[in-house]
């Protein structure tokens, strides 16, 4: 199950910098996770300062 970034994202980029496979990119309103590339490792969720990332 892939992770998802909610609208509470402040677009700081911390999650993208820590993603080991580069599955996170900047979207129109906040960062987004490509579910097909996500390894479900949880590194992004642990890094997010606002707690905006959770499993779908």
PDB file of N, CA and C in Angstrom:
ATOM      1  N   UNK A   1       0.844  -1.170   0.000  1.00  0.00           N
ATOM      2  CA  UNK A   1       0.000   0.000   0.000  1.00  0.00           C
ATOM      3  C   UNK A   1       0.892   1.236   0.000  1.00  0.00           C
ATOM      4  N   UNK A   2       0.721   2.077  -0.974  1.00  0.00           N
ATOM      5  CA  UNK A   2       1.551   3.274  -1.110  1.00  0.00           C
ATOM      6  C   UNK A   2       1.154   4.345  -0.099  1.00  0.00           C
ATOM      7  N   UNK A   3       2.050   5.265   0.093  1.00  0.00           N
ATOM      8  CA  UNK A   3       1.791   6.405   0.966  1.00  0.00           C
ATOM      9  C   UNK A   3       1.166   7.530   0.161  1.00  0.00           C
ATOM     10  N   UNK A   4       0.479   8.432   0.849  1.00  0.00           N
ATOM     11  CA  UNK A   4      -0.185   9.559   0.204  1.00  0.00           C
ATOM     12  C   UNK A   4       0.102  10.821   1.003  1.00  0.00           C
ATOM     13  N   UNK A   5       0.241  11.947   0.306  1.00  0.00           N
ATOM     14  CA  UNK A   5       0.489  13.238   0.949  1.00  0.00           C
ATOM     15  C   UNK A   5      -0.817  14.034   0.936  1.00  0.00           C
ATOM     16  N   UNK A   6      -1.230  14.502   2.100  1.00  0.00           N
ATOM     17  CA  UNK A   6      -2.493  15.237   2.221  1.00  0.00           C
ATOM     18  C   UNK A   6      -2.314  16.719   1.898  1.00  0.00           C
ATOM     19  N   UNK A   7      -3.419  17.441   1.911  1.00  0.00           N
ATOM     20  CA  UNK A   7      -3.413  18.876   1.613  1.00  0.00           C
ATOM     21  C   UNK A   7      -2.719  19.699   2.693  1.00  0.00           C
ATOM     22  N   UNK A   8      -2.402  19.096   3.834  1.00  0.00           N
ATOM     23  CA  UNK A   8      -1.689  19.822   4.892  1.00  0.00           C
ATOM     24  C   UNK A   8      -0.205  20.026   4.555  1.00  0.00           C
ATOM     25  N   UNK A   9       0.252  19.438   3.465  1.00  0.00           N
ATOM     26  CA  UNK A   9       1.639  19.559   3.012  1.00  0.00           C
ATOM     27  C   UNK A   9       1.998  21.037   2.806  1.00  0.00           C
ATOM     28  N   UNK A  10       3.160  21.434   3.329  1.00  0.00           N
ATOM     29  CA  UNK A  10       3.629  22.816   3.180  1.00  0.00           C
ATOM     30  C   UNK A  10       4.693  22.940   2.077  1.00  0.00           C
ATOM     31  N   UNK A  11       4.887  21.885   1.318  1.00  0.00           N
ATOM     32  CA  UNK A  11       5.827  21.857   0.185  1.00  0.00           C
ATOM     33  C   UNK A  11       7.252  22.208   0.594  1.00  0.00           C
ATOM     34  N   UNK A  12       7.688  21.675   1.716  1.00  0.00           N
ATOM     35  CA  UNK A  12       9.050  21.956   2.181  1.00  0.00           C
ATOM     36  C   UNK A  12      10.098  21.113   1.455  1.00  0.00           C
ATOM     37  N   UNK A  13       9.681  19.961   0.899  1.00  0.00           N
ATOM     38  CA  UNK A  13      10.600  19.112   0.158  1.00  0.00           C
ATOM     39  C   UNK A  13      11.384  18.122   0.983  1.00  0.00           C
ATOM     40  N   UNK A  14      11.172  18.086   2.277  1.00  0.00           N
ATOM     41  CA  UNK A  14      11.914  17.155   3.143  1.00  0.00           C
ATOM     42  C   UNK A  14      11.680  15.705   2.733  1.00  0.00           C
ATOM     43  N   UNK A  15      10.464  15.365   2.390  1.00  0.00           N
ATOM     44  CA  UNK A  15      10.135  13.988   2.013  1.00  0.00           C
ATOM     45  C   UNK A  15      10.821  13.593   0.707  1.00  0.00           C
ATOM     46  N   UNK A  16      10.802  14.484  -0.266  1.00  0.00           N
ATOM     47  CA  UNK A  16      11.410  14.198  -1.563  1.00  0.00           C
ATOM     48  C   UNK A  16      12.913  13.977  -1.427  1.00  0.00           C
ATOM     49  N   UNK A  17      13.544  14.747  -0.569  1.00  0.00           N
ATOM     50  CA  UNK A  17      14.981  14.619  -0.365  1.00  0.00           C
ATOM     51  C   UNK A  17      15.353  13.292   0.269  1.00  0.00           C
ATOM     52  N   UNK A  18      14.464  12.719   1.057  1.00  0.00           N
ATOM     53  CA  UNK A  18      14.754  11.472   1.768  1.00  0.00           C
ATOM     54  C   UNK A  18      14.271  10.213   1.060  1.00  0.00           C
ATOM     55  N   UNK A  19      13.414  10.339   0.056  1.00  0.00           N
ATOM     56  CA  UNK A  19      12.877   9.162  -0.634  1.00  0.00           C
ATOM     57  C   UNK A  19      14.000   8.411  -1.349  1.00  0.00           C
ATOM     58  N   UNK A  20      14.209   7.125  -1.003  1.00  0.00           N
ATOM     59  CA  UNK A  20      15.332   6.379  -1.597  1.00  0.00           C
ATOM     60  C   UNK A  20      15.168   6.045  -3.077  1.00  0.00           C
ATOM     61  N   UNK A  21      13.948   6.130  -3.606  1.00  0.00           N
ATOM     62  CA  UNK A  21      13.734   5.790  -5.010  1.00  0.00           C
ATOM     63  C   UNK A  21      13.248   6.969  -5.847  1.00  0.00           C
ATOM     64  N   UNK A  22      13.155   8.145  -5.260  1.00  0.00           N
ATOM     65  CA  UNK A  22      12.736   9.327  -6.003  1.00  0.00           C
ATOM     66  C   UNK A  22      11.281   9.295  -6.433  1.00  0.00           C
ATOM     67  N   UNK A  23      10.420   8.705  -5.613  1.00  0.00           N
ATOM     68  CA  UNK A  23       9.005   8.566  -5.959  1.00  0.00           C
ATOM     69  C   UNK A  23       8.185   9.807  -5.637  1.00  0.00           C
ATOM     70  N   UNK A  24       8.809  10.834  -5.062  1.00  0.00           N
ATOM     71  CA  UNK A  24       8.087  12.034  -4.651  1.00  0.00           C
ATOM     72  C   UNK A  24       8.520  13.220  -5.500  1.00  0.00           C
ATOM     73  N   UNK A  25       7.517  13.936  -6.010  1.00  0.00           N
ATOM     74  CA  UNK A  25       7.804  15.113  -6.824  1.00  0.00           C
ATOM     75  C   UNK A  25       6.828  16.227  -6.472  1.00  0.00           C
ATOM     76  N   UNK A  26       7.187  17.443  -6.851  1.00  0.00           N
ATOM     77  CA  UNK A  26       6.346  18.593  -6.559  1.00  0.00           C
ATOM     78  C   UNK A  26       5.149  18.612  -7.512  1.00  0.00           C
ATOM     79  N   UNK A  27       3.956  18.667  -6.923  1.00  0.00           N
ATOM     80  CA  UNK A  27       2.735  18.725  -7.717  1.00  0.00           C
ATOM     81  C   UNK A  27       2.227  20.149  -7.825  1.00  0.00           C
ATOM     82  N   UNK A  28       1.019  20.314  -8.295  1.00  0.00           N
ATOM     83  CA  UNK A  28       0.433  21.643  -8.489  1.00  0.00           C
ATOM     84  C   UNK A  28       0.246  22.394  -7.177  1.00  0.00           C
ATOM     85  N   UNK A  29      -0.263  21.717  -6.154  1.00  0.00           N
ATOM     86  CA  UNK A  29      -0.526  22.396  -4.884  1.00  0.00           C
ATOM     87  C   UNK A  29       0.334  21.895  -3.731  1.00  0.00           C
ATOM     88  N   UNK A  30       0.891  20.702  -3.852  1.00  0.00           N
ATOM     89  CA  UNK A  30       1.788  20.139  -2.837  1.00  0.00           C
ATOM     90  C   UNK A  30       2.534  18.951  -3.434  1.00  0.00           C
ATOM     91  N   UNK A  31       3.459  18.399  -2.682  1.00  0.00           N
ATOM     92  CA  UNK A  31       4.221  17.256  -3.178  1.00  0.00           C
ATOM     93  C   UNK A  31       3.307  16.049  -3.346  1.00  0.00           C
ATOM     94  N   UNK A  32       3.675  15.143  -4.263  1.00  0.00           N
ATOM     95  CA  UNK A  32       2.882  13.958  -4.554  1.00  0.00           C
ATOM     96  C   UNK A  32       3.788  12.742  -4.627  1.00  0.00           C
ATOM     97  N   UNK A  33       3.229  11.589  -4.280  1.00  0.00           N
ATOM     98  CA  UNK A  33       3.972  10.329  -4.312  1.00  0.00           C
ATOM     99  C   UNK A  33       3.463   9.487  -5.472  1.00  0.00           C
ATOM    100  N   UNK A  34       4.375   9.008  -6.304  1.00  0.00           N
ATOM    101  CA  UNK A  34       4.024   8.106  -7.394  1.00  0.00           C
ATOM    102  C   UNK A  34       3.856   6.714  -6.783  1.00  0.00           C
ATOM    103  N   UNK A  35       2.618   6.232  -6.715  1.00  0.00           N
ATOM    104  CA  UNK A  35       2.312   4.955  -6.072  1.00  0.00           C
ATOM    105  C   UNK A  35       3.006   3.775  -6.745  1.00  0.00           C
ATOM    106  N   UNK A  36       3.256   3.862  -8.040  1.00  0.00           N
ATOM    107  CA  UNK A  36       3.910   2.768  -8.760  1.00  0.00           C
ATOM    108  C   UNK A  36       5.390   2.649  -8.403  1.00  0.00           C
ATOM    109  N   UNK A  37       6.002   3.742  -7.960  1.00  0.00           N
ATOM    110  CA  UNK A  37       7.418   3.735  -7.609  1.00  0.00           C
ATOM    111  C   UNK A  37       7.657   3.580  -6.103  1.00  0.00           C
ATOM    112  N   UNK A  38       6.661   3.887  -5.294  1.00  0.00           N
ATOM    113  CA  UNK A  38       6.792   3.875  -3.834  1.00  0.00           C
ATOM    114  C   UNK A  38       7.094   2.466  -3.317  1.00  0.00           C
ATOM    115  N   UNK A  39       8.086   2.365  -2.423  1.00  0.00           N
ATOM    116  CA  UNK A  39       8.477   1.085  -1.834  1.00  0.00           C
ATOM    117  C   UNK A  39       7.767   0.799  -0.512  1.00  0.00           C
ATOM    118  N   UNK A  40       6.931   1.724  -0.049  1.00  0.00           N
ATOM    119  CA  UNK A  40       6.241   1.591   1.242  1.00  0.00           C
ATOM    120  C   UNK A  40       7.213   1.507   2.407  1.00  0.00           C
ATOM    121  N   UNK A  41       8.339   2.194   2.307  1.00  0.00           N
ATOM    122  CA  UNK A  41       9.346   2.126   3.369  1.00  0.00           C
ATOM    123  C   UNK A  41       9.009   3.028   4.554  1.00  0.00           C
ATOM    124  N   UNK A  42       8.213   4.085   4.328  1.00  0.00           N
ATOM    125  CA  UNK A  42       7.812   4.981   5.405  1.00  0.00           C
ATOM    126  C   UNK A  42       8.802   6.076   5.735  1.00  0.00           C
ATOM    127  N   UNK A  43       9.896   6.153   5.012  1.00  0.00           N
ATOM    128  CA  UNK A  43      10.894   7.186   5.270  1.00  0.00           C
ATOM    129  C   UNK A  43      10.298   8.579   5.122  1.00  0.00           C
ATOM    130  N   UNK A  44       9.465   8.766   4.133  1.00  0.00           N
ATOM    131  CA  UNK A  44       8.856  10.070   3.897  1.00  0.00           C
ATOM    132  C   UNK A  44       7.958  10.486   5.066  1.00  0.00           C
ATOM    133  N   UNK A  45       7.164   9.561   5.572  1.00  0.00           N
ATOM    134  CA  UNK A  45       6.257   9.861   6.680  1.00  0.00           C
ATOM    135  C   UNK A  45       7.033  10.226   7.932  1.00  0.00           C
ATOM    136  N   UNK A  46       8.135   9.548   8.159  1.00  0.00           N
ATOM    137  CA  UNK A  46       8.955   9.825   9.338  1.00  0.00           C
ATOM    138  C   UNK A  46       9.653  11.174   9.228  1.00  0.00           C
ATOM    139  N   UNK A  47       9.894  11.643   8.020  1.00  0.00           N
ATOM    140  CA  UNK A  47      10.607  12.893   7.771  1.00  0.00           C
ATOM    141  C   UNK A  47       9.690  14.115   7.759  1.00  0.00           C
ATOM    142  N   UNK A  48       8.433  13.930   7.434  1.00  0.00           N
ATOM    143  CA  UNK A  48       7.494  15.043   7.255  1.00  0.00           C
ATOM    144  C   UNK A  48       7.274  15.832   8.555  1.00  0.00           C
ATOM    145  N   UNK A  49       7.577  17.128   8.543  1.00  0.00           N
ATOM    146  CA  UNK A  49       7.428  17.941   9.763  1.00  0.00           C
ATOM    147  C   UNK A  49       5.972  18.251  10.139  1.00  0.00           C
ATOM    148  N   UNK A  50       5.051  18.073   9.178  1.00  0.00           N
ATOM    149  CA  UNK A  50       3.653  18.374   9.463  1.00  0.00           C
ATOM    150  C   UNK A  50       2.779  17.126   9.621  1.00  0.00           C
ATOM    151  N   UNK A  51       3.365  15.949   9.450  1.00  0.00           N
ATOM    152  CA  UNK A  51       2.593  14.715   9.552  1.00  0.00           C
ATOM    153  C   UNK A  51       1.581  14.553   8.435  1.00  0.00           C
ATOM    154  N   UNK A  52       1.890  15.090   7.282  1.00  0.00           N
ATOM    155  CA  UNK A  52       0.966  15.086   6.141  1.00  0.00           C
ATOM    156  C   UNK A  52       0.995  13.806   5.322  1.00  0.00           C
ATOM    157  N   UNK A  53       1.854  12.863   5.679  1.00  0.00           N
ATOM    158  CA  UNK A  53       2.008  11.653   4.878  1.00  0.00           C
ATOM    159  C   UNK A  53       1.518  10.443   5.666  1.00  0.00           C
ATOM    160  N   UNK A  54       0.652   9.653   5.018  1.00  0.00           N
ATOM    161  CA  UNK A  54       0.128   8.439   5.650  1.00  0.00           C
ATOM    162  C   UNK A  54      -0.116   7.384   4.580  1.00  0.00           C
ATOM    163  N   UNK A  55      -0.301   6.148   5.021  1.00  0.00           N
ATOM    164  CA  UNK A  55      -0.597   5.086   4.069  1.00  0.00           C
ATOM    165  C   UNK A  55      -2.029   5.226   3.576  1.00  0.00           C
ATOM    166  N   UNK A  56      -2.238   4.912   2.305  1.00  0.00           N
ATOM    167  CA  UNK A  56      -3.588   4.995   1.712  1.00  0.00           C
ATOM    168  C   UNK A  56      -4.471   3.923   2.306  1.00  0.00           C
TER     169      UNK A  56
END
